[in-house]
Amino acid sequence: MRRHLADAAATAAFAAEFGTRLPADKAGWLVLLEGELGAGKSSFARALIAALGHAGPVPSPTYTLVEPYELPGVTVYHIDLYRVSSEEELPFLGFGELDEGLRLVEWPERAPALAGAADVLLRLSYSGAGRDAEFTGLSARGRALVAAMEGQPLD
């Protein structure tokens, strides 16, 4: 699925729509956010976390690597792998202990094996003053979610 996001408000609306399509039980979902520096990965994550009920600031996890958010019904982990040099570092971040939450991972290309466990991939790219979003379901439930966002009937 592809969408053009003309501005920050369109990105926030897209993130909120995604949030409404997630099931009530969001535990274990893994969402990969790819794109160049400044393409909107953090903006999407911030908007999604806000749409799920967080009212405070959502700092970039570039230096902390993992920022947890205790929200009604789910813990959201905003994860930034930009400073990770290889996927062998993930156990040291406690990545395996985050399975009970919804994980939003920026720079997943630093840990290619994550794609095999992920549900959806959002790839953002520059398009004039806006961004283009390419949303791909990687698991069965991820494909069902993307189909729902496209307005297609679910299997």
N, C-alpha and C. Protein backbone atom coordinates (compact mmCIF):
# COMPACT_ATOMS: atom_id res chain seq x y z
N MET A 1 0.84 -1.16 0.00
CA MET A 1 0.00 0.00 0.00
C MET A 1 0.89 1.23 0.00
N ARG A 2 0.54 2.19 -0.81
CA ARG A 2 1.30 3.44 -0.88
C ARG A 2 0.38 4.62 -0.58
N ARG A 3 0.94 5.59 0.12
CA ARG A 3 0.21 6.84 0.37
C ARG A 3 1.18 8.00 0.31
N HIS A 4 0.69 9.12 -0.18
CA HIS A 4 1.47 10.35 -0.13
C HIS A 4 1.06 11.09 1.13
N LEU A 5 2.05 11.49 1.90
CA LEU A 5 1.82 12.25 3.13
C LEU A 5 2.33 13.66 2.88
N ALA A 6 1.42 14.58 2.66
CA ALA A 6 1.78 15.93 2.24
C ALA A 6 2.51 16.73 3.30
N ASP A 7 2.22 16.44 4.57
CA ASP A 7 2.81 17.24 5.65
C ASP A 7 2.75 16.45 6.96
N ALA A 8 3.15 17.12 8.05
CA ALA A 8 3.17 16.46 9.37
C ALA A 8 1.77 16.04 9.79
N ALA A 9 0.76 16.84 9.47
CA ALA A 9 -0.61 16.49 9.83
C ALA A 9 -1.06 15.21 9.11
N ALA A 10 -0.66 15.05 7.86
CA ALA A 10 -1.01 13.83 7.12
C ALA A 10 -0.30 12.62 7.71
N THR A 11 0.94 12.81 8.14
CA THR A 11 1.68 11.72 8.79
C THR A 11 0.99 11.32 10.09
N ALA A 12 0.58 12.31 10.88
CA ALA A 12 -0.12 12.04 12.14
C ALA A 12 -1.44 11.32 11.89
N ALA A 13 -2.17 11.73 10.87
CA ALA A 13 -3.45 11.08 10.55
C ALA A 13 -3.23 9.64 10.10
N PHE A 14 -2.18 9.40 9.32
CA PHE A 14 -1.85 8.05 8.87
C PHE A 14 -1.48 7.16 10.06
N ALA A 15 -0.69 7.71 10.99
CA ALA A 15 -0.31 6.95 12.19
C ALA A 15 -1.53 6.64 13.05
N ALA A 16 -2.44 7.61 13.19
CA ALA A 16 -3.66 7.38 13.97
C ALA A 16 -4.53 6.32 13.31
N GLU A 17 -4.63 6.34 11.99
CA GLU A 17 -5.40 5.32 11.28
C GLU A 17 -4.79 3.94 11.52
N PHE A 18 -3.48 3.86 11.42
CA PHE A 18 -2.80 2.60 11.70
C PHE A 18 -3.12 2.13 13.12
N GLY A 19 -3.08 3.05 14.07
CA GLY A 19 -3.37 2.70 15.46
C GLY A 19 -4.77 2.15 15.64
N THR A 20 -5.74 2.68 14.90
CA THR A 20 -7.11 2.17 15.02
C THR A 20 -7.26 0.79 14.40
N ARG A 21 -6.39 0.46 13.47
CA ARG A 21 -6.46 -0.84 12.80
C ARG A 21 -5.76 -1.95 13.60
N LEU A 22 -4.89 -1.55 14.51
CA LEU A 22 -4.23 -2.56 15.35
C LEU A 22 -5.27 -3.25 16.22
N PRO A 23 -5.07 -4.54 16.51
CA PRO A 23 -6.05 -5.23 17.37
C PRO A 23 -5.97 -4.71 18.81
N ALA A 24 -6.99 -5.01 19.58
CA ALA A 24 -7.01 -4.61 20.99
C ALA A 24 -5.78 -5.16 21.71
N ASP A 25 -5.40 -6.40 21.39
CA ASP A 25 -4.20 -7.00 21.97
C ASP A 25 -3.03 -6.74 21.04
N LYS A 26 -2.27 -5.72 21.36
CA LYS A 26 -1.15 -5.30 20.51
C LYS A 26 0.16 -5.99 20.91
N ALA A 27 0.12 -6.82 21.93
CA ALA A 27 1.33 -7.48 22.42
C ALA A 27 1.98 -8.31 21.31
N GLY A 28 3.27 -8.17 21.21
CA GLY A 28 4.03 -8.97 20.27
C GLY A 28 4.14 -8.41 18.87
N TRP A 29 3.43 -7.32 18.58
CA TRP A 29 3.53 -6.73 17.24
C TRP A 29 4.88 -6.07 17.07
N LEU A 30 5.46 -6.26 15.89
CA LEU A 30 6.75 -5.67 15.54
C LEU A 30 6.59 -4.87 14.26
N VAL A 31 6.80 -3.56 14.36
CA VAL A 31 6.64 -2.64 13.24
C VAL A 31 8.01 -2.04 12.91
N LEU A 32 8.44 -2.22 11.68
CA LEU A 32 9.74 -1.70 11.23
C LEU A 32 9.52 -0.38 10.50
N LEU A 33 10.33 0.61 10.84
CA LEU A 33 10.23 1.94 10.24
C LEU A 33 11.53 2.26 9.53
N GLU A 34 11.48 2.29 8.20
CA GLU A 34 12.67 2.54 7.39
C GLU A 34 12.57 3.88 6.67
N GLY A 35 13.71 4.45 6.38
CA GLY A 35 13.76 5.68 5.61
C GLY A 35 15.02 6.45 5.94
N GLU A 36 15.35 7.37 5.05
CA GLU A 36 16.54 8.20 5.25
C GLU A 36 16.38 9.05 6.51
N LEU A 37 17.47 9.60 6.95
CA LEU A 37 17.47 10.53 8.07
C LEU A 37 16.50 11.67 7.75
N GLY A 38 15.57 11.93 8.65
CA GLY A 38 14.61 13.01 8.46
C GLY A 38 13.40 12.66 7.62
N ALA A 39 13.25 11.40 7.23
CA ALA A 39 12.14 11.01 6.35
C ALA A 39 10.80 10.90 7.08
N GLY A 40 10.81 10.90 8.40
CA GLY A 40 9.55 10.87 9.14
C GLY A 40 9.32 9.67 10.01
N LYS A 41 10.33 8.85 10.23
CA LYS A 41 10.17 7.66 11.07
C LYS A 41 9.77 8.04 12.49
N SER A 42 10.50 8.96 13.09
CA SER A 42 10.19 9.39 14.46
C SER A 42 8.86 10.12 14.52
N SER A 43 8.55 10.90 13.49
CA SER A 43 7.27 11.62 13.45
C SER A 43 6.11 10.62 13.45
N PHE A 44 6.23 9.57 12.65
CA PHE A 44 5.20 8.54 12.62
C PHE A 44 5.08 7.88 13.99
N ALA A 45 6.21 7.49 14.58
CA ALA A 45 6.20 6.83 15.88
C ALA A 45 5.58 7.73 16.95
N ARG A 46 5.97 9.00 16.97
CA ARG A 46 5.40 9.95 17.95
C ARG A 46 3.88 10.04 17.79
N ALA A 47 3.43 10.18 16.56
CA ALA A 47 1.99 10.31 16.31
C ALA A 47 1.24 9.05 16.70
N LEU A 48 1.82 7.88 16.42
CA LEU A 48 1.18 6.63 16.79
C LEU A 48 1.10 6.49 18.30
N ILE A 49 2.19 6.78 18.99
CA ILE A 49 2.21 6.68 20.45
C ILE A 49 1.18 7.63 21.05
N ALA A 50 1.06 8.83 20.50
CA ALA A 50 0.04 9.78 20.97
C ALA A 50 -1.36 9.26 20.68
N ALA A 51 -1.57 8.70 19.50
CA ALA A 51 -2.88 8.18 19.13
C ALA A 51 -3.30 7.01 20.02
N LEU A 52 -2.32 6.30 20.55
CA LEU A 52 -2.61 5.16 21.43
C LEU A 52 -2.84 5.59 22.88
N GLY A 53 -2.69 6.89 23.15
CA GLY A 53 -3.05 7.38 24.48
C GLY A 53 -1.98 8.08 25.27
N HIS A 54 -0.79 8.24 24.74
CA HIS A 54 0.27 8.94 25.49
C HIS A 54 0.09 10.44 25.33
N ALA A 55 0.11 11.17 26.46
CA ALA A 55 -0.13 12.61 26.43
C ALA A 55 1.14 13.44 26.55
N GLY A 56 2.24 12.87 26.94
CA GLY A 56 3.47 13.64 27.16
C GLY A 56 4.37 13.67 25.95
N PRO A 57 5.58 14.18 26.16
CA PRO A 57 6.55 14.22 25.06
C PRO A 57 7.01 12.81 24.67
N VAL A 58 7.44 12.70 23.43
CA VAL A 58 7.98 11.43 22.91
C VAL A 58 9.35 11.74 22.33
N PRO A 59 10.38 11.66 23.18
CA PRO A 59 11.72 11.98 22.67
C PRO A 59 12.25 10.89 21.75
N SER A 60 13.15 11.28 20.88
CA SER A 60 13.78 10.31 20.00
C SER A 60 14.66 9.39 20.83
N PRO A 61 14.60 8.09 20.60
CA PRO A 61 15.45 7.16 21.35
C PRO A 61 16.84 6.98 20.73
N THR A 62 17.31 7.96 19.98
CA THR A 62 18.61 7.83 19.31
C THR A 62 19.73 7.52 20.30
N TYR A 63 19.71 8.13 21.47
CA TYR A 63 20.78 7.92 22.44
C TYR A 63 20.41 6.90 23.50
N THR A 64 19.14 6.83 23.88
CA THR A 64 18.72 5.84 24.88
C THR A 64 18.49 4.48 24.26
N LEU A 65 18.28 4.43 22.97
CA LEU A 65 18.02 3.25 22.14
C LEU A 65 16.62 2.68 22.32
N VAL A 66 16.09 2.67 23.55
CA VAL A 66 14.74 2.16 23.78
C VAL A 66 14.01 3.11 24.73
N GLU A 67 12.84 3.56 24.31
CA GLU A 67 11.97 4.38 25.16
C GLU A 67 10.65 3.63 25.35
N PRO A 68 10.33 3.23 26.59
CA PRO A 68 9.07 2.54 26.84
C PRO A 68 7.94 3.52 27.19
N TYR A 69 6.72 3.16 26.79
CA TYR A 69 5.53 3.94 27.09
C TYR A 69 4.46 2.99 27.61
N GLU A 70 4.10 3.16 28.88
CA GLU A 70 3.04 2.34 29.48
C GLU A 70 1.71 2.98 29.12
N LEU A 71 0.97 2.35 28.23
CA LEU A 71 -0.30 2.88 27.76
C LEU A 71 -1.42 1.93 28.14
N PRO A 72 -2.65 2.40 28.11
CA PRO A 72 -3.77 1.50 28.43
C PRO A 72 -3.76 0.26 27.55
N GLY A 73 -3.59 -0.88 28.16
CA GLY A 73 -3.66 -2.15 27.44
C GLY A 73 -2.38 -2.62 26.78
N VAL A 74 -1.34 -1.78 26.73
CA VAL A 74 -0.11 -2.20 26.05
C VAL A 74 1.07 -1.33 26.46
N THR A 75 2.24 -1.92 26.44
CA THR A 75 3.47 -1.16 26.55
C THR A 75 4.01 -1.01 25.14
N VAL A 76 4.33 0.22 24.76
CA VAL A 76 4.92 0.49 23.45
C VAL A 76 6.40 0.76 23.67
N TYR A 77 7.22 0.09 22.88
CA TYR A 77 8.67 0.31 22.92
C TYR A 77 9.09 0.99 21.63
N HIS A 78 9.56 2.21 21.75
CA HIS A 78 10.08 2.95 20.60
C HIS A 78 11.59 2.71 20.60
N ILE A 79 12.07 2.04 19.57
CA ILE A 79 13.45 1.56 19.52
C ILE A 79 14.16 2.18 18.33
N ASP A 80 15.36 2.67 18.55
CA ASP A 80 16.15 3.28 17.48
C ASP A 80 17.48 2.53 17.39
N LEU A 81 17.71 1.88 16.27
CA LEU A 81 18.93 1.08 16.09
C LEU A 81 20.02 1.83 15.32
N TYR A 82 19.87 3.13 15.14
CA TYR A 82 20.84 3.90 14.36
C TYR A 82 22.27 3.72 14.88
N ARG A 83 22.43 3.68 16.18
CA ARG A 83 23.77 3.57 16.78
C ARG A 83 24.21 2.13 17.04
N VAL A 84 23.41 1.17 16.59
CA VAL A 84 23.75 -0.24 16.72
C VAL A 84 24.51 -0.66 15.48
N SER A 85 25.63 -1.31 15.67
CA SER A 85 26.45 -1.68 14.52
C SER A 85 26.11 -3.05 13.95
N SER A 86 25.50 -3.92 14.76
CA SER A 86 25.11 -5.24 14.25
C SER A 86 24.01 -5.82 15.13
N GLU A 87 23.29 -6.79 14.57
CA GLU A 87 22.19 -7.39 15.32
C GLU A 87 22.67 -8.21 16.52
N GLU A 88 23.94 -8.51 16.59
CA GLU A 88 24.47 -9.22 17.76
C GLU A 88 24.36 -8.37 19.03
N GLU A 89 24.14 -7.07 18.87
CA GLU A 89 24.00 -6.17 20.02
C GLU A 89 22.59 -6.21 20.61
N LEU A 90 21.61 -6.73 19.88
CA LEU A 90 20.22 -6.70 20.35
C LEU A 90 20.02 -7.36 21.71
N PRO A 91 20.62 -8.51 21.99
CA PRO A 91 20.43 -9.09 23.33
C PRO A 91 20.92 -8.17 24.45
N PHE A 92 21.94 -7.38 24.19
CA PHE A 92 22.45 -6.47 25.21
C PHE A 92 21.50 -5.30 25.47
N LEU A 93 20.61 -5.04 24.50
CA LEU A 93 19.58 -4.01 24.67
C LEU A 93 18.36 -4.57 25.39
N GLY A 94 18.35 -5.90 25.62
CA GLY A 94 17.19 -6.53 26.22
C GLY A 94 16.05 -6.72 25.23
N PHE A 95 16.38 -6.75 23.94
CA PHE A 95 15.36 -6.82 22.90
C PHE A 95 14.44 -8.02 23.08
N GLY A 96 14.98 -9.15 23.47
CA GLY A 96 14.19 -10.36 23.65
C GLY A 96 13.18 -10.26 24.78
N GLU A 97 13.35 -9.29 25.66
CA GLU A 97 12.43 -9.10 26.78
C GLU A 97 11.30 -8.13 26.47
N LEU A 98 11.24 -7.64 25.24
CA LEU A 98 10.25 -6.65 24.86
C LEU A 98 9.07 -7.26 24.10
N ASP A 99 9.04 -8.58 24.00
CA ASP A 99 8.03 -9.28 23.19
C ASP A 99 6.60 -9.03 23.64
N GLU A 100 6.41 -8.68 24.92
CA GLU A 100 5.04 -8.50 25.40
C GLU A 100 4.45 -7.16 24.97
N GLY A 101 5.25 -6.32 24.35
CA GLY A 101 4.76 -5.00 23.94
C GLY A 101 4.65 -4.84 22.44
N LEU A 102 4.23 -3.66 22.04
CA LEU A 102 4.23 -3.25 20.64
C LEU A 102 5.57 -2.58 20.40
N ARG A 103 6.35 -3.12 19.48
CA ARG A 103 7.69 -2.59 19.21
C ARG A 103 7.72 -1.83 17.90
N LEU A 104 8.15 -0.57 17.98
CA LEU A 104 8.33 0.29 16.82
C LEU A 104 9.83 0.47 16.65
N VAL A 105 10.39 -0.04 15.57
CA VAL A 105 11.84 -0.07 15.40
C VAL A 105 12.28 0.80 14.23
N GLU A 106 13.03 1.85 14.56
CA GLU A 106 13.64 2.69 13.53
C GLU A 106 15.01 2.10 13.18
N TRP A 107 15.40 2.26 11.93
CA TRP A 107 16.66 1.75 11.40
C TRP A 107 16.78 0.23 11.53
N PRO A 108 15.74 -0.52 11.15
CA PRO A 108 15.80 -1.98 11.29
C PRO A 108 16.83 -2.63 10.37
N GLU A 109 17.29 -1.90 9.36
CA GLU A 109 18.30 -2.48 8.47
C GLU A 109 19.61 -2.77 9.22
N ARG A 110 19.77 -2.22 10.42
CA ARG A 110 20.95 -2.53 11.26
C ARG A 110 20.86 -3.94 11.83
N ALA A 111 19.67 -4.52 11.81
CA ALA A 111 19.44 -5.88 12.31
C ALA A 111 18.53 -6.60 11.31
N PRO A 112 19.07 -7.03 10.16
CA PRO A 112 18.25 -7.59 9.09
C PRO A 112 17.37 -8.77 9.50
N ALA A 113 17.76 -9.54 10.50
CA ALA A 113 16.96 -10.69 10.91
C ALA A 113 15.60 -10.28 11.47
N LEU A 114 15.45 -9.03 11.88
CA LEU A 114 14.16 -8.58 12.41
C LEU A 114 13.05 -8.70 11.38
N ALA A 115 13.37 -8.57 10.11
CA ALA A 115 12.34 -8.64 9.07
C ALA A 115 11.60 -9.97 9.10
N GLY A 116 12.28 -11.04 9.46
CA GLY A 116 11.65 -12.35 9.52
C GLY A 116 10.64 -12.49 10.65
N ALA A 117 10.74 -11.63 11.66
CA ALA A 117 9.83 -11.69 12.80
C ALA A 117 8.82 -10.54 12.80
N ALA A 118 8.96 -9.62 11.86
CA ALA A 118 8.14 -8.40 11.86
C ALA A 118 6.76 -8.64 11.26
N ASP A 119 5.85 -7.77 11.66
CA ASP A 119 4.48 -7.82 11.14
C ASP A 119 4.29 -6.86 9.97
N VAL A 120 4.81 -5.65 10.10
CA VAL A 120 4.67 -4.67 9.04
C VAL A 120 5.95 -3.86 8.88
N LEU A 121 6.12 -3.36 7.67
CA LEU A 121 7.24 -2.49 7.34
C LEU A 121 6.67 -1.21 6.76
N LEU A 122 7.06 -0.09 7.34
CA LEU A 122 6.70 1.21 6.79
C LEU A 122 7.98 1.83 6.27
N ARG A 123 8.02 2.06 4.97
CA ARG A 123 9.18 2.68 4.33
C ARG A 123 8.77 4.09 3.92
N LEU A 124 9.47 5.09 4.44
CA LEU A 124 9.18 6.49 4.14
C LEU A 124 10.28 7.06 3.26
N SER A 125 9.86 7.87 2.28
CA SER A 125 10.84 8.50 1.40
C SER A 125 10.38 9.91 1.08
N TYR A 126 11.34 10.76 0.77
CA TYR A 126 11.05 12.14 0.42
C TYR A 126 10.28 12.20 -0.89
N SER A 127 9.31 13.13 -0.94
CA SER A 127 8.55 13.37 -2.16
C SER A 127 8.16 14.84 -2.17
N GLY A 128 9.01 15.66 -2.78
CA GLY A 128 8.79 17.10 -2.74
C GLY A 128 8.86 17.59 -1.30
N ALA A 129 7.87 18.37 -0.90
CA ALA A 129 7.82 18.87 0.48
C ALA A 129 7.24 17.82 1.43
N GLY A 130 6.65 16.76 0.88
CA GLY A 130 6.03 15.73 1.70
C GLY A 130 6.84 14.44 1.73
N ARG A 131 6.14 13.37 2.01
CA ARG A 131 6.75 12.05 2.08
C ARG A 131 5.84 11.05 1.38
N ASP A 132 6.44 10.00 0.85
CA ASP A 132 5.68 8.86 0.35
C ASP A 132 5.86 7.74 1.36
N ALA A 133 4.75 7.09 1.68
CA ALA A 133 4.76 5.97 2.62
C ALA A 133 4.41 4.70 1.87
N GLU A 134 5.23 3.69 2.02
CA GLU A 134 4.96 2.37 1.46
C GLU A 134 4.82 1.43 2.65
N PHE A 135 3.63 0.85 2.78
CA PHE A 135 3.29 0.03 3.93
C PHE A 135 3.14 -1.41 3.45
N THR A 136 3.92 -2.33 4.01
CA THR A 136 3.93 -3.71 3.57
C THR A 136 3.67 -4.65 4.75
N GLY A 137 2.74 -5.56 4.59
CA GLY A 137 2.50 -6.60 5.59
C GLY A 137 3.53 -7.70 5.42
N LEU A 138 4.21 -8.06 6.49
CA LEU A 138 5.24 -9.10 6.43
C LEU A 138 4.77 -10.42 7.04
N SER A 139 3.83 -10.36 7.97
CA SER A 139 3.26 -11.57 8.57
C SER A 139 1.81 -11.67 8.12
N ALA A 140 1.15 -12.77 8.43
CA ALA A 140 -0.27 -12.92 8.05
C ALA A 140 -1.11 -11.81 8.68
N ARG A 141 -0.89 -11.53 9.97
CA ARG A 141 -1.69 -10.49 10.61
C ARG A 141 -1.31 -9.10 10.09
N GLY A 142 -0.05 -8.93 9.72
CA GLY A 142 0.38 -7.67 9.12
C GLY A 142 -0.25 -7.45 7.76
N ARG A 143 -0.31 -8.51 6.95
CA ARG A 143 -0.95 -8.40 5.64
C ARG A 143 -2.43 -8.09 5.79
N ALA A 144 -3.09 -8.69 6.78
CA ALA A 144 -4.50 -8.43 7.02
C ALA A 144 -4.71 -6.96 7.43
N LEU A 145 -3.83 -6.44 8.24
CA LEU A 145 -3.93 -5.05 8.66
C LEU A 145 -3.75 -4.10 7.48
N VAL A 146 -2.76 -4.36 6.65
CA VAL A 146 -2.53 -3.52 5.48
C VAL A 146 -3.72 -3.60 4.53
N ALA A 147 -4.28 -4.79 4.34
CA ALA A 147 -5.47 -4.94 3.48
C ALA A 147 -6.63 -4.14 4.04
N ALA A 148 -6.79 -4.13 5.35
CA ALA A 148 -7.87 -3.36 5.98
C ALA A 148 -7.66 -1.87 5.74
N MET A 149 -6.42 -1.43 5.80
CA MET A 149 -6.14 -0.02 5.56
C MET A 149 -6.37 0.36 4.10
N GLU A 150 -6.22 -0.60 3.21
CA GLU A 150 -6.48 -0.36 1.79
C GLU A 150 -7.96 -0.43 1.47
N GLY A 151 -8.76 -0.86 2.46
CA GLY A 151 -10.19 -0.98 2.23
C GLY A 151 -10.58 -2.30 1.60
N GLN A 152 -9.67 -3.25 1.59
CA GLN A 152 -9.95 -4.56 1.04
C GLN A 152 -10.55 -5.45 2.11
N PRO A 153 -11.40 -6.39 1.74
CA PRO A 153 -11.93 -7.33 2.73
C PRO A 153 -10.81 -8.22 3.28
N LEU A 154 -10.93 -8.56 4.54
CA LEU A 154 -9.95 -9.44 5.17
C LEU A 154 -10.28 -10.89 4.87
N ASP A 155 -9.26 -11.74 4.82
CA ASP A 155 -9.46 -13.17 4.58
C ASP A 155 -10.10 -13.83 5.79
